[in-house]
Amino acid sequence: MDREQLADFLKSRRAGVSPADAGLDGGTRRRTPGLRREEVARLAGISVDYYARLEQARGPRPSRQVLGALSRALRLHDDERTYLFHLAGEQPGPPAGPSPHVSPGIRHLLDRLDDTPAFVIDAKYELLAWNPMAVALMGDPAVVMPESRNMIWNLFTGPAPADPAADTFADECVADLRAASVRYPADEGIRSLIARLRAASPDFTRRWDEHQVCVRRSTSKRFDHPVHGELVFTCEVLDIADAGQKVIFYTAEAGSHTAWVLCSLRRQPAHAV
């Protein structure tokens, strides 16, 4: 265990996390850049004294559970998490699970895409954030209960999609979910989703038992709009590996009917989330 470097690393990572990033109220009077020691301790579920001693290079060797909790509290990406474990003389296990928090930078990107439907999903296809163009195209997810915003659940338990490519899309989603289940073996949300789907959908169970594995990448997508008819998109995927998230963009060929529809939808008022 390298106590000095561990202390320096914890202090530097703490200074780089804003209260808003950690879901905390920053208030108006803050002398400390980033998080306070007591805030990190509270987020990690450890005592303030124990955390303070780690930053002072005089604490005991932290357990793997504490290192994992500190990784989550300080919002470390995978490489930083691995480095933290090595500083403490431990071998890192798999990441605990995909993050439910969308970073301010990704939210800013969504806001700037005023001509492209875009949204963020996590590794189990939970819809986390979306922009006004996505609302204009597909409806407002904010009116749906959060537990009903899982795209794979809706795909296999909702009405059968009219898209002729839906069968291929379903295969890709199931294979992607299987890859996520291996990457995050301890994530209760992924395990629960798989169990619920196996109980509710024989179609999902059949595909799951085929043991196909892949990571979803760019593909085409057909969408039956209630006003504008069939729309054809290129579905681009931006992988945010350290958070276990993907940003999905729907783009259209220049001069196409779909591109014209996007231009008309752009003028409709909506709100990003």
C-alpha atoms as a PDB file:
ATOM      1  CA  MET A   1       0.000   0.000   0.000  1.00  0.00           C
ATOM      2  CA  ASP A   2       1.380   3.394  -1.041  1.00  0.00           C
ATOM      3  CA  ARG A   3      -0.146   5.650   1.614  1.00  0.00           C
ATOM      4  CA  GLU A   4       1.344   8.905   0.339  1.00  0.00           C
ATOM      5  CA  GLN A   5       0.212   8.484  -3.256  1.00  0.00           C
ATOM      6  CA  LEU A   6      -3.166   7.140  -2.128  1.00  0.00           C
ATOM      7  CA  ALA A   7      -3.688  10.262  -0.003  1.00  0.00           C
ATOM      8  CA  ASP A   8      -2.690  12.586  -2.842  1.00  0.00           C
ATOM      9  CA  PHE A   9      -4.909  10.751  -5.315  1.00  0.00           C
ATOM     10  CA  LEU A  10      -7.955  10.903  -3.042  1.00  0.00           C
ATOM     11  CA  LYS A  11      -7.461  14.633  -2.455  1.00  0.00           C
ATOM     12  CA  SER A  12      -7.068  15.378  -6.148  1.00  0.00           C
ATOM     13  CA  ARG A  13     -10.148  13.341  -7.138  1.00  0.00           C
ATOM     14  CA  ARG A  14     -12.217  14.920  -4.358  1.00  0.00           C
ATOM     15  CA  ALA A  15     -11.322  18.377  -5.637  1.00  0.00           C
ATOM     16  CA  GLY A  16     -12.451  17.415  -9.133  1.00  0.00           C
ATOM     17  CA  VAL A  17     -16.012  16.381  -8.243  1.00  0.00           C
ATOM     18  CA  SER A  18     -18.587  19.138  -7.902  1.00  0.00           C
ATOM     19  CA  PRO A  19     -21.517  18.790  -5.484  1.00  0.00           C
ATOM     20  CA  ALA A  20     -23.883  18.819  -8.471  1.00  0.00           C
ATOM     21  CA  ASP A  21     -21.997  15.895 -10.051  1.00  0.00           C
ATOM     22  CA  ALA A  22     -22.533  13.919  -6.836  1.00  0.00           C
ATOM     23  CA  GLY A  23     -26.204  14.880  -6.543  1.00  0.00           C
ATOM     24  CA  LEU A  24     -25.587  17.239  -3.607  1.00  0.00           C
ATOM     25  CA  ASP A  25     -26.683  20.789  -2.924  1.00  0.00           C
ATOM     26  CA  GLY A  26     -23.569  22.946  -3.254  1.00  0.00           C
ATOM     27  CA  GLY A  27     -24.966  25.897  -1.341  1.00  0.00           C
ATOM     28  CA  THR A  28     -23.553  29.387  -1.699  1.00  0.00           C
ATOM     29  CA  ARG A  29     -20.613  29.311   0.729  1.00  0.00           C
ATOM     30  CA  ARG A  30     -17.924  26.823  -0.213  1.00  0.00           C
ATOM     31  CA  ARG A  31     -14.233  27.366   0.447  1.00  0.00           C
ATOM     32  CA  THR A  32     -13.247  23.918  -0.786  1.00  0.00           C
ATOM     33  CA  PRO A  33     -13.104  23.130  -4.517  1.00  0.00           C
ATOM     34  CA  GLY A  34     -15.069  20.008  -5.223  1.00  0.00           C
ATOM     35  CA  LEU A  35     -16.438  17.947  -2.360  1.00  0.00           C
ATOM     36  CA  ARG A  36     -15.758  18.294   1.361  1.00  0.00           C
ATOM     37  CA  ARG A  37     -14.268  15.364   3.266  1.00  0.00           C
ATOM     38  CA  GLU A  38     -17.503  14.799   5.164  1.00  0.00           C
ATOM     39  CA  GLU A  39     -19.428  14.668   1.884  1.00  0.00           C
ATOM     40  CA  VAL A  40     -17.143  11.985   0.445  1.00  0.00           C
ATOM     41  CA  ALA A  41     -17.390  10.015   3.690  1.00  0.00           C
ATOM     42  CA  ARG A  42     -21.188  10.236   3.672  1.00  0.00           C
ATOM     43  CA  LEU A  43     -21.423   9.173   0.023  1.00  0.00           C
ATOM     44  CA  ALA A  44     -19.066   6.242   0.665  1.00  0.00           C
ATOM     45  CA  GLY A  45     -20.771   5.171   3.902  1.00  0.00           C
ATOM     46  CA  ILE A  46     -17.649   5.505   6.077  1.00  0.00           C
ATOM     47  CA  SER A  47     -16.770   7.749   9.003  1.00  0.00           C
ATOM     48  CA  VAL A  48     -15.331  11.206   8.428  1.00  0.00           C
ATOM     49  CA  ASP A  49     -12.410  10.388  10.750  1.00  0.00           C
ATOM     50  CA  TYR A  50     -11.545   7.249   8.784  1.00  0.00           C
ATOM     51  CA  TYR A  51     -11.612   9.114   5.468  1.00  0.00           C
ATOM     52  CA  ALA A  52      -9.579  12.022   6.905  1.00  0.00           C
ATOM     53  CA  ARG A  53      -6.867   9.597   8.024  1.00  0.00           C
ATOM     54  CA  LEU A  54      -6.689   8.150   4.508  1.00  0.00           C
ATOM     55  CA  GLU A  55      -6.082  11.635   3.104  1.00  0.00           C
ATOM     56  CA  GLN A  56      -3.451  12.233   5.787  1.00  0.00           C
ATOM     57  CA  ALA A  57      -1.551   9.057   4.768  1.00  0.00           C
ATOM     58  CA  ARG A  58      -1.969   7.507   8.200  1.00  0.00           C
ATOM     59  CA  GLY A  59      -5.057   5.369   7.803  1.00  0.00           C
ATOM     60  CA  PRO A  60      -5.294   1.569   7.808  1.00  0.00           C
ATOM     61  CA  ARG A  61      -5.339  -0.358   4.587  1.00  0.00           C
ATOM     62  CA  PRO A  62      -8.864   0.066   3.161  1.00  0.00           C
ATOM     63  CA  SER A  63     -10.867  -3.018   2.320  1.00  0.00           C
ATOM     64  CA  ARG A  64     -12.077  -3.817  -1.170  1.00  0.00           C
ATOM     65  CA  GLN A  65     -15.581  -2.770  -0.100  1.00  0.00           C
ATOM     66  CA  VAL A  66     -14.316   0.636   1.047  1.00  0.00           C
ATOM     67  CA  LEU A  67     -12.307   1.105  -2.143  1.00  0.00           C
ATOM     68  CA  GLY A  68     -15.378   0.316  -4.212  1.00  0.00           C
ATOM     69  CA  ALA A  69     -17.476   2.763  -2.189  1.00  0.00           C
ATOM     70  CA  LEU A  70     -14.836   5.486  -2.593  1.00  0.00           C
ATOM     71  CA  SER A  71     -14.702   4.822  -6.331  1.00  0.00           C
ATOM     72  CA  ARG A  72     -18.447   5.434  -6.579  1.00  0.00           C
ATOM     73  CA  ALA A  73     -18.414   8.456  -4.283  1.00  0.00           C
ATOM     74  CA  LEU A  74     -15.601  10.103  -6.252  1.00  0.00           C
ATOM     75  CA  ARG A  75     -17.153   9.079  -9.593  1.00  0.00           C
ATOM     76  CA  LEU A  76     -13.962   7.410 -10.780  1.00  0.00           C
ATOM     77  CA  HIS A  77     -13.851   6.011 -14.284  1.00  0.00           C
ATOM     78  CA  ASP A  78     -12.584   2.460 -14.797  1.00  0.00           C
ATOM     79  CA  ASP A  79      -8.897   3.364 -15.174  1.00  0.00           C
ATOM     80  CA  GLU A  80      -8.969   5.564 -12.061  1.00  0.00           C
ATOM     81  CA  ARG A  81     -10.761   2.859 -10.098  1.00  0.00           C
ATOM     82  CA  THR A  82      -8.109   0.316 -11.107  1.00  0.00           C
ATOM     83  CA  TYR A  83      -5.368   2.765 -10.086  1.00  0.00           C
ATOM     84  CA  LEU A  84      -6.998   3.350  -6.673  1.00  0.00           C
ATOM     85  CA  PHE A  85      -7.127  -0.389  -5.977  1.00  0.00           C
ATOM     86  CA  HIS A  86      -3.496  -0.825  -6.978  1.00  0.00           C
ATOM     87  CA  LEU A  87      -2.399   2.047  -4.702  1.00  0.00           C
ATOM     88  CA  ALA A  88      -4.045   0.197  -1.826  1.00  0.00           C
ATOM     89  CA  GLY A  89      -2.360  -3.067  -2.796  1.00  0.00           C
ATOM     90  CA  GLU A  90      -5.550  -4.707  -4.058  1.00  0.00           C
ATOM     91  CA  GLN A  91      -6.575  -6.261  -7.349  1.00  0.00           C
ATOM     92  CA  PRO A  92      -9.715  -4.593  -8.691  1.00  0.00           C
ATOM     93  CA  GLY A  93     -12.770  -6.689  -9.427  1.00  0.00           C
ATOM     94  CA  PRO A  94     -15.347  -5.877 -12.103  1.00  0.00           C
ATOM     95  CA  PRO A  95     -17.078  -2.478 -11.921  1.00  0.00           C
ATOM     96  CA  ALA A  96     -20.129  -2.457  -9.666  1.00  0.00           C
ATOM     97  CA  GLY A  97     -22.620  -1.374 -12.300  1.00  0.00           C
ATOM     98  CA  PRO A  98     -23.594   1.289 -14.829  1.00  0.00           C
ATOM     99  CA  SER A  99     -23.993   4.806 -13.482  1.00  0.00           C
ATOM    100  CA  PRO A 100     -27.507   6.268 -13.293  1.00  0.00           C
ATOM    101  CA  HIS A 101     -26.066   9.804 -13.468  1.00  0.00           C
ATOM    102  CA  VAL A 102     -25.640  11.587 -16.802  1.00  0.00           C
ATOM    103  CA  SER A 103     -22.700  13.978 -16.699  1.00  0.00           C
ATOM    104  CA  PRO A 104     -23.215  17.719 -17.248  1.00  0.00           C
ATOM    105  CA  GLY A 105     -21.038  17.512 -20.381  1.00  0.00           C
ATOM    106  CA  ILE A 106     -23.297  14.895 -21.985  1.00  0.00           C
ATOM    107  CA  ARG A 107     -26.401  16.882 -21.021  1.00  0.00           C
ATOM    108  CA  HIS A 108     -24.837  19.938 -22.657  1.00  0.00           C
ATOM    109  CA  LEU A 109     -24.215  17.890 -25.799  1.00  0.00           C
ATOM    110  CA  LEU A 110     -27.879  16.839 -25.888  1.00  0.00           C
ATOM    111  CA  ASP A 111     -28.979  20.459 -25.544  1.00  0.00           C
ATOM    112  CA  ARG A 112     -26.786  21.538 -28.450  1.00  0.00           C
ATOM    113  CA  LEU A 113     -28.212  18.920 -30.827  1.00  0.00           C
ATOM    114  CA  ASP A 114     -31.232  20.958 -31.867  1.00  0.00           C
ATOM    115  CA  ASP A 115     -31.694  19.146 -35.210  1.00  0.00           C
ATOM    116  CA  THR A 116     -30.974  15.542 -34.116  1.00  0.00           C
ATOM    117  CA  PRO A 117     -33.039  13.281 -31.848  1.00  0.00           C
ATOM    118  CA  ALA A 118     -30.688  11.966 -29.172  1.00  0.00           C
ATOM    119  CA  PHE A 119     -30.996  10.205 -25.838  1.00  0.00           C
ATOM    120  CA  VAL A 120     -28.894   8.406 -23.223  1.00  0.00           C
ATOM    121  CA  ILE A 121     -29.403   4.832 -22.042  1.00  0.00           C
ATOM    122  CA  ASP A 122     -27.455   2.780 -19.543  1.00  0.00           C
ATOM    123  CA  ALA A 123     -26.166  -0.773 -19.989  1.00  0.00           C
ATOM    124  CA  LYS A 124     -29.590  -2.276 -19.216  1.00  0.00           C
ATOM    125  CA  TYR A 125     -31.313   0.103 -21.698  1.00  0.00           C
ATOM    126  CA  GLU A 126     -32.814   2.345 -19.022  1.00  0.00           C
ATOM    127  CA  LEU A 127     -33.637   5.731 -20.562  1.00  0.00           C
ATOM    128  CA  LEU A 128     -31.745   8.349 -18.533  1.00  0.00           C
ATOM    129  CA  ALA A 129     -31.867  11.594 -20.542  1.00  0.00           C
ATOM    130  CA  TRP A 130     -33.160  12.931 -23.847  1.00  0.00           C
ATOM    131  CA  ASN A 131     -33.289  16.131 -25.869  1.00  0.00           C
ATOM    132  CA  PRO A 132     -36.246  18.122 -27.300  1.00  0.00           C
ATOM    133  CA  MET A 133     -35.888  16.523 -30.735  1.00  0.00           C
ATOM    134  CA  ALA A 134     -36.277  13.058 -29.217  1.00  0.00           C
ATOM    135  CA  VAL A 135     -39.452  14.283 -27.503  1.00  0.00           C
ATOM    136  CA  ALA A 136     -40.773  15.732 -30.769  1.00  0.00           C
ATOM    137  CA  LEU A 137     -40.118  12.450 -32.595  1.00  0.00           C
ATOM    138  CA  MET A 138     -41.099   9.805 -30.045  1.00  0.00           C
ATOM    139  CA  GLY A 139     -43.133  11.564 -27.354  1.00  0.00           C
ATOM    140  CA  ASP A 140     -42.185  12.797 -23.906  1.00  0.00           C
ATOM    141  CA  PRO A 141     -40.728  10.104 -21.597  1.00  0.00           C
ATOM    142  CA  ALA A 142     -41.292  12.469 -18.657  1.00  0.00           C
ATOM    143  CA  VAL A 143     -45.013  11.611 -18.692  1.00  0.00           C
ATOM    144  CA  VAL A 144     -44.157   7.918 -18.202  1.00  0.00           C
ATOM    145  CA  MET A 145     -43.315   6.476 -14.795  1.00  0.00           C
ATOM    146  CA  PRO A 146     -39.524   5.966 -14.414  1.00  0.00           C
ATOM    147  CA  GLU A 147     -39.966   2.209 -14.004  1.00  0.00           C
ATOM    148  CA  SER A 148     -41.583   2.122 -17.466  1.00  0.00           C
ATOM    149  CA  ARG A 149     -38.636   3.721 -19.288  1.00  0.00           C
ATOM    150  CA  ASN A 150     -36.676   0.566 -20.040  1.00  0.00           C
ATOM    151  CA  MET A 151     -36.371   0.091 -23.792  1.00  0.00           C
ATOM    152  CA  ILE A 152     -35.747  -3.666 -23.733  1.00  0.00           C
ATOM    153  CA  TRP A 153     -38.667  -4.272 -21.372  1.00  0.00           C
ATOM    154  CA  ASN A 154     -40.980  -2.224 -23.620  1.00  0.00           C
ATOM    155  CA  LEU A 155     -39.642  -3.992 -26.719  1.00  0.00           C
ATOM    156  CA  PHE A 156     -40.512  -7.473 -25.438  1.00  0.00           C
ATOM    157  CA  THR A 157     -43.649  -6.746 -23.381  1.00  0.00           C
ATOM    158  CA  GLY A 158     -45.268  -3.937 -25.384  1.00  0.00           C
ATOM    159  CA  PRO A 159     -47.104  -3.997 -28.733  1.00  0.00           C
ATOM    160  CA  ALA A 160     -45.294  -5.803 -31.534  1.00  0.00           C
ATOM    161  CA  PRO A 161     -43.237  -3.261 -33.539  1.00  0.00           C
ATOM    162  CA  ALA A 162     -44.156  -2.711 -37.189  1.00  0.00           C
ATOM    163  CA  ASP A 163     -40.531  -2.236 -38.251  1.00  0.00           C
ATOM    164  CA  PRO A 164     -39.462  -5.199 -40.447  1.00  0.00           C
ATOM    165  CA  ALA A 165     -35.968  -4.869 -38.978  1.00  0.00           C
ATOM    166  CA  ALA A 166     -37.310  -5.230 -35.418  1.00  0.00           C
ATOM    167  CA  ASP A 167     -36.277  -8.887 -35.274  1.00  0.00           C
ATOM    168  CA  THR A 168     -32.639  -8.002 -35.900  1.00  0.00           C
ATOM    169  CA  PHE A 169     -32.864  -5.103 -33.459  1.00  0.00           C
ATOM    170  CA  ALA A 170     -34.248  -7.427 -30.762  1.00  0.00           C
ATOM    171  CA  ASP A 171     -31.356  -9.852 -31.318  1.00  0.00           C
ATOM    172  CA  GLU A 172     -28.854  -7.005 -30.990  1.00  0.00           C
ATOM    173  CA  CYS A 173     -30.447  -5.716 -27.780  1.00  0.00           C
ATOM    174  CA  VAL A 174     -30.469  -9.143 -26.129  1.00  0.00           C
ATOM    175  CA  ALA A 175     -26.858  -9.826 -27.145  1.00  0.00           C
ATOM    176  CA  ASP A 176     -25.854  -6.394 -25.829  1.00  0.00           C
ATOM    177  CA  LEU A 177     -27.639  -7.052 -22.522  1.00  0.00           C
ATOM    178  CA  ARG A 178     -25.824 -10.388 -22.188  1.00  0.00           C
ATOM    179  CA  ALA A 179     -22.480  -8.606 -22.657  1.00  0.00           C
ATOM    180  CA  ALA A 180     -23.496  -6.103 -19.956  1.00  0.00           C
ATOM    181  CA  SER A 181     -24.459  -8.921 -17.574  1.00  0.00           C
ATOM    182  CA  VAL A 182     -20.901 -10.248 -17.783  1.00  0.00           C
ATOM    183  CA  ARG A 183     -19.267  -6.853 -17.463  1.00  0.00           C
ATOM    184  CA  TYR A 184     -21.398  -6.014 -14.377  1.00  0.00           C
ATOM    185  CA  PRO A 185     -22.001  -9.420 -12.744  1.00  0.00           C
ATOM    186  CA  ALA A 186     -22.956  -7.899  -9.379  1.00  0.00           C
ATOM    187  CA  ASP A 187     -25.440  -5.331 -10.700  1.00  0.00           C
ATOM    188  CA  GLU A 188     -28.834  -6.092  -9.185  1.00  0.00           C
ATOM    189  CA  GLY A 189     -30.682  -3.952 -11.748  1.00  0.00           C
ATOM    190  CA  ILE A 190     -29.391  -6.034 -14.664  1.00  0.00           C
ATOM    191  CA  ARG A 191     -30.058  -9.341 -12.906  1.00  0.00           C
ATOM    192  CA  SER A 192     -33.576  -8.266 -11.963  1.00  0.00           C
ATOM    193  CA  LEU A 193     -34.367  -7.097 -15.511  1.00  0.00           C
ATOM    194  CA  ILE A 194     -33.216 -10.400 -17.008  1.00  0.00           C
ATOM    195  CA  ALA A 195     -35.299 -12.399 -14.509  1.00  0.00           C
ATOM    196  CA  ARG A 196     -38.405 -10.283 -15.176  1.00  0.00           C
ATOM    197  CA  LEU A 197     -37.984 -10.596 -18.938  1.00  0.00           C
ATOM    198  CA  ARG A 198     -37.516 -14.366 -18.777  1.00  0.00           C
ATOM    199  CA  ALA A 199     -40.729 -14.620 -16.750  1.00  0.00           C
ATOM    200  CA  ALA A 200     -42.727 -12.283 -18.997  1.00  0.00           C
ATOM    201  CA  SER A 201     -41.504 -12.976 -22.533  1.00  0.00           C
ATOM    202  CA  PRO A 202     -40.933 -16.378 -24.165  1.00  0.00           C
ATOM    203  CA  ASP A 203     -39.479 -14.472 -27.149  1.00  0.00           C
ATOM    204  CA  PHE A 204     -36.824 -12.890 -24.921  1.00  0.00           C
ATOM    205  CA  THR A 205     -36.108 -16.251 -23.265  1.00  0.00           C
ATOM    206  CA  ARG A 206     -35.592 -17.928 -26.645  1.00  0.00           C
ATOM    207  CA  ARG A 207     -33.125 -15.255 -27.738  1.00  0.00           C
ATOM    208  CA  TRP A 208     -31.364 -15.187 -24.351  1.00  0.00           C
ATOM    209  CA  ASP A 209     -30.820 -18.933 -24.418  1.00  0.00           C
ATOM    210  CA  GLU A 210     -29.031 -18.631 -27.771  1.00  0.00           C
ATOM    211  CA  HIS A 211     -26.103 -17.029 -25.883  1.00  0.00           C
ATOM    212  CA  GLN A 212     -25.342 -14.431 -28.545  1.00  0.00           C
ATOM    213  CA  VAL A 213     -22.974 -11.707 -27.319  1.00  0.00           C
ATOM    214  CA  CYS A 214     -22.185  -8.380 -28.934  1.00  0.00           C
ATOM    215  CA  VAL A 215     -21.898  -4.683 -28.147  1.00  0.00           C
ATOM    216  CA  ARG A 216     -24.451  -2.625 -29.997  1.00  0.00           C
ATOM    217  CA  ARG A 217     -23.018  -0.284 -32.602  1.00  0.00           C
ATOM    218  CA  SER A 218     -24.387   1.851 -35.424  1.00  0.00           C
ATOM    219  CA  THR A 219     -27.367   0.479 -37.337  1.00  0.00           C
ATOM    220  CA  SER A 220     -30.418   1.581 -39.330  1.00  0.00           C
ATOM    221  CA  LYS A 221     -33.774   2.260 -37.716  1.00  0.00           C
ATOM    222  CA  ARG A 222     -37.257   2.540 -39.221  1.00  0.00           C
ATOM    223  CA  PHE A 223     -39.848   4.515 -37.300  1.00  0.00           C
ATOM    224  CA  ASP A 224     -43.577   4.671 -38.026  1.00  0.00           C
ATOM    225  CA  HIS A 225     -44.582   8.245 -37.170  1.00  0.00           C
ATOM    226  CA  PRO A 226     -48.347   8.790 -36.569  1.00  0.00           C
ATOM    227  CA  VAL A 227     -48.355  11.953 -38.725  1.00  0.00           C
ATOM    228  CA  HIS A 228     -45.414  11.699 -41.139  1.00  0.00           C
ATOM    229  CA  GLY A 229     -45.477   7.968 -41.894  1.00  0.00           C
ATOM    230  CA  GLU A 230     -42.374   5.809 -42.252  1.00  0.00           C
ATOM    231  CA  LEU A 231     -39.094   7.457 -41.331  1.00  0.00           C
ATOM    232  CA  VAL A 232     -35.660   5.931 -41.912  1.00  0.00           C
ATOM    233  CA  PHE A 233     -32.740   6.849 -39.674  1.00  0.00           C
ATOM    234  CA  THR A 234     -29.107   5.960 -39.263  1.00  0.00           C
ATOM    235  CA  CYS A 235     -28.726   5.142 -35.585  1.00  0.00           C
ATOM    236  CA  GLU A 236     -25.288   6.207 -34.344  1.00  0.00           C
ATOM    237  CA  VAL A 237     -24.037   5.028 -30.949  1.00  0.00           C
ATOM    238  CA  LEU A 238     -21.526   6.880 -28.757  1.00  0.00           C
ATOM    239  CA  ASP A 239     -20.201   4.568 -26.034  1.00  0.00           C
ATOM    240  CA  ILE A 240     -19.438   6.144 -22.628  1.00  0.00           C
ATOM    241  CA  ALA A 241     -17.580   3.129 -21.320  1.00  0.00           C
ATOM    242  CA  ASP A 242     -16.582   4.473 -17.898  1.00  0.00           C
ATOM    243  CA  ALA A 243     -20.227   5.184 -16.998  1.00  0.00           C
ATOM    244  CA  GLY A 244     -21.758   2.126 -18.665  1.00  0.00           C
ATOM    245  CA  GLN A 245     -23.877   4.397 -20.851  1.00  0.00           C
ATOM    246  CA  LYS A 246     -24.550   5.050 -24.550  1.00  0.00           C
ATOM    247  CA  VAL A 247     -25.674   8.169 -26.369  1.00  0.00           C
ATOM    248  CA  ILE A 248     -27.963   7.297 -29.286  1.00  0.00           C
ATOM    249  CA  PHE A 249     -28.277   9.723 -32.219  1.00  0.00           C
ATOM    250  CA  TYR A 250     -30.883   9.481 -34.994  1.00  0.00           C
ATOM    251  CA  THR A 251     -29.591  11.050 -38.215  1.00  0.00           C
ATOM    252  CA  ALA A 252     -31.197  11.181 -41.667  1.00  0.00           C
ATOM    253  CA  GLU A 253     -29.856  11.188 -45.214  1.00  0.00           C
ATOM    254  CA  ALA A 254     -29.675  14.716 -46.622  1.00  0.00           C
ATOM    255  CA  GLY A 255     -32.599  15.532 -48.892  1.00  0.00           C
ATOM    256  CA  SER A 256     -34.679  12.558 -47.737  1.00  0.00           C
ATOM    257  CA  HIS A 257     -38.260  12.610 -46.494  1.00  0.00           C
ATOM    258  CA  THR A 258     -36.949  11.848 -43.004  1.00  0.00           C
ATOM    259  CA  ALA A 259     -34.595  14.844 -43.121  1.00  0.00           C
ATOM    260  CA  TRP A 260     -37.523  17.065 -44.135  1.00  0.00           C
ATOM    261  CA  VAL A 261     -39.581  15.739 -41.216  1.00  0.00           C
ATOM    262  CA  LEU A 262     -36.743  16.444 -38.777  1.00  0.00           C
ATOM    263  CA  CYS A 263     -36.656  20.038 -40.011  1.00  0.00           C
ATOM    264  CA  SER A 264     -40.370  20.385 -39.334  1.00  0.00           C
ATOM    265  CA  LEU A 265     -40.101  18.744 -35.904  1.00  0.00           C
ATOM    266  CA  ARG A 266     -37.273  21.099 -34.994  1.00  0.00           C
ATOM    267  CA  ARG A 267     -39.764  23.964 -34.844  1.00  0.00           C
ATOM    268  CA  GLN A 268     -41.925  22.247 -32.227  1.00  0.00           C
ATOM    269  CA  PRO A 269     -41.334  23.379 -28.616  1.00  0.00           C
ATOM    270  CA  ALA A 270     -40.117  20.703 -26.210  1.00  0.00           C
ATOM    271  CA  HIS A 271     -37.845  20.316 -23.190  1.00  0.00           C
ATOM    272  CA  ALA A 272     -34.698  18.327 -22.639  1.00  0.00           C
ATOM    273  CA  VAL A 273     -34.263  16.122 -19.582  1.00  0.00           C
END
